[in-house]
């Protein structure tokens, strides 16, 4: 596969935002390399590179919380991916639907 339009970082990685294709909710962010990107497109489920474990990570392989790929996009700069998915369970390792379940307090109005 030709990924020449993409800009991987110095470690050969590119960030991938994962979004629920139905609701539009942002579920998580993870890293891909050229191999996991190709695997994602081939198998139709998200496959990432775990920086902490230094290994391929097929989302849901052990938990069952897979993410069926609907569409994979890349941004105008070619340095970020957007995976639109149909999730089969929570995205976060905490059990939350989304990894983005915490928020900062809004600034006070003047």
Protein backbone atom coordinates (compact mmCIF):
# COMPACT_ATOMS: atom_id res chain seq x y z
CA UNK A 1 0.00 0.00 0.00
CA UNK A 2 1.16 3.48 -0.79
CA UNK A 3 1.33 5.70 2.28
CA UNK A 4 3.57 8.31 0.64
CA UNK A 5 1.11 11.14 1.42
CA UNK A 6 1.41 10.43 5.14
CA UNK A 7 3.97 11.98 7.49
CA UNK A 8 5.12 9.52 10.13
CA UNK A 9 7.14 10.93 13.04
CA UNK A 10 10.81 10.15 13.76
CA UNK A 11 9.72 6.86 15.41
CA UNK A 12 7.74 5.83 12.31
CA UNK A 13 4.40 6.52 14.01
CA UNK A 14 1.33 8.58 13.19
CA UNK A 15 -1.50 9.47 15.62
CA UNK A 16 -4.92 8.01 14.94
CA UNK A 17 -8.07 9.53 16.40
CA UNK A 18 -10.84 6.94 16.75
CA UNK A 19 -14.41 8.17 16.36
CA UNK A 20 -17.76 6.38 16.62
CA UNK A 21 -19.07 6.45 13.04
CA UNK A 22 -22.68 6.70 14.20
CA UNK A 23 -22.60 9.21 17.06
CA UNK A 24 -19.48 11.18 16.12
CA UNK A 25 -18.11 10.75 19.65
CA UNK A 26 -14.31 10.69 19.90
CA UNK A 27 -13.43 7.39 21.55
CA UNK A 28 -9.66 7.33 21.82
CA UNK A 29 -6.29 8.21 20.31
CA UNK A 30 -3.60 5.66 19.57
CA UNK A 31 -0.52 5.33 17.38
CA UNK A 32 -0.11 3.46 14.10
CA UNK A 33 2.94 2.60 12.06
CA UNK A 34 2.90 1.57 8.39
CA UNK A 35 2.45 -2.11 9.33
CA UNK A 36 -0.49 -1.57 11.71
CA UNK A 37 -2.08 0.84 9.25
CA UNK A 38 -1.88 -1.81 6.54
CA UNK A 39 -3.24 -4.46 8.93
CA UNK A 40 -6.15 -2.19 9.87
CA UNK A 41 -7.08 -1.72 6.22
CA UNK A 42 -6.69 -5.44 5.47
CA UNK A 43 -8.62 -6.91 8.42
CA UNK A 44 -11.24 -4.16 8.83
CA UNK A 45 -10.60 -3.66 12.56
CA UNK A 46 -8.29 -1.20 14.29
CA UNK A 47 -4.72 -2.34 14.89
CA UNK A 48 -2.27 -0.04 16.65
CA UNK A 49 1.32 0.16 17.85
CA UNK A 50 1.68 0.15 21.63
CA UNK A 51 4.51 2.50 22.55
CA UNK A 52 4.59 1.29 26.16
CA UNK A 53 4.75 -2.42 25.25
CA UNK A 54 6.60 -1.91 21.95
CA UNK A 55 4.29 -4.34 20.16
CA UNK A 56 1.35 -4.59 17.78
CA UNK A 57 -1.99 -4.15 19.52
CA UNK A 58 -5.16 -5.40 17.81
CA UNK A 59 -7.85 -3.47 19.68
CA UNK A 60 -10.18 -5.91 21.42
CA UNK A 61 -8.12 -9.05 20.75
CA UNK A 62 -8.19 -9.94 24.45
CA UNK A 63 -11.14 -7.85 25.74
CA UNK A 64 -13.53 -8.43 22.85
CA UNK A 65 -13.99 -4.64 22.55
CA UNK A 66 -13.10 -4.52 18.87
CA UNK A 67 -13.57 -1.56 16.56
CA UNK A 68 -14.94 -2.40 13.11
CA UNK A 69 -13.50 0.03 10.59
CA UNK A 70 -16.06 2.03 8.60
CA UNK A 71 -13.66 4.54 7.08
CA UNK A 72 -10.06 5.65 7.51
CA UNK A 73 -9.24 9.27 6.66
CA UNK A 74 -6.11 11.40 6.88
CA UNK A 75 -5.92 15.13 7.47
CA UNK A 76 -4.82 17.89 5.09
CA UNK A 77 -1.21 17.75 6.35
CA UNK A 78 -1.06 13.95 6.20
CA UNK A 79 0.14 13.79 9.80
CA UNK A 80 -2.98 12.53 11.60
CA UNK A 81 -5.43 9.71 10.88
CA UNK A 82 -9.14 9.52 11.69
CA UNK A 83 -10.61 6.04 12.05
CA UNK A 84 -14.40 6.04 11.94
CA UNK A 85 -15.52 2.80 13.60
CA UNK A 86 -18.40 0.76 14.96
CA UNK A 87 -17.25 -0.13 18.47
CA UNK A 88 -18.15 -3.46 20.12
CA UNK A 89 -17.82 -2.25 23.69
CA UNK A 90 -15.92 0.46 25.54
CA UNK A 91 -12.81 2.00 23.99
CA UNK A 92 -11.05 2.87 27.24
CA UNK A 93 -9.07 0.40 29.33
CA UNK A 94 -10.93 1.82 32.39
CA UNK A 95 -14.20 0.48 31.00
CA UNK A 96 -15.45 3.92 29.97
CA UNK A 97 -17.03 4.22 26.53
CA UNK A 98 -14.51 6.91 25.58
CA UNK A 99 -11.02 7.67 26.86
CA UNK A 100 -12.10 11.34 26.93
CA UNK A 101 -14.41 11.15 29.94
CA UNK A 102 -12.62 13.82 32.03
CA UNK A 103 -12.84 17.58 31.50
CA UNK A 104 -11.26 20.72 32.89
CA UNK A 105 -13.56 23.20 34.60
CA UNK A 106 -14.80 25.89 32.23
CA UNK A 107 -13.38 29.38 32.82
CA UNK A 108 -15.56 31.73 34.85
CA UNK A 109 -17.67 34.18 32.86
CA UNK A 110 -16.79 37.87 33.09
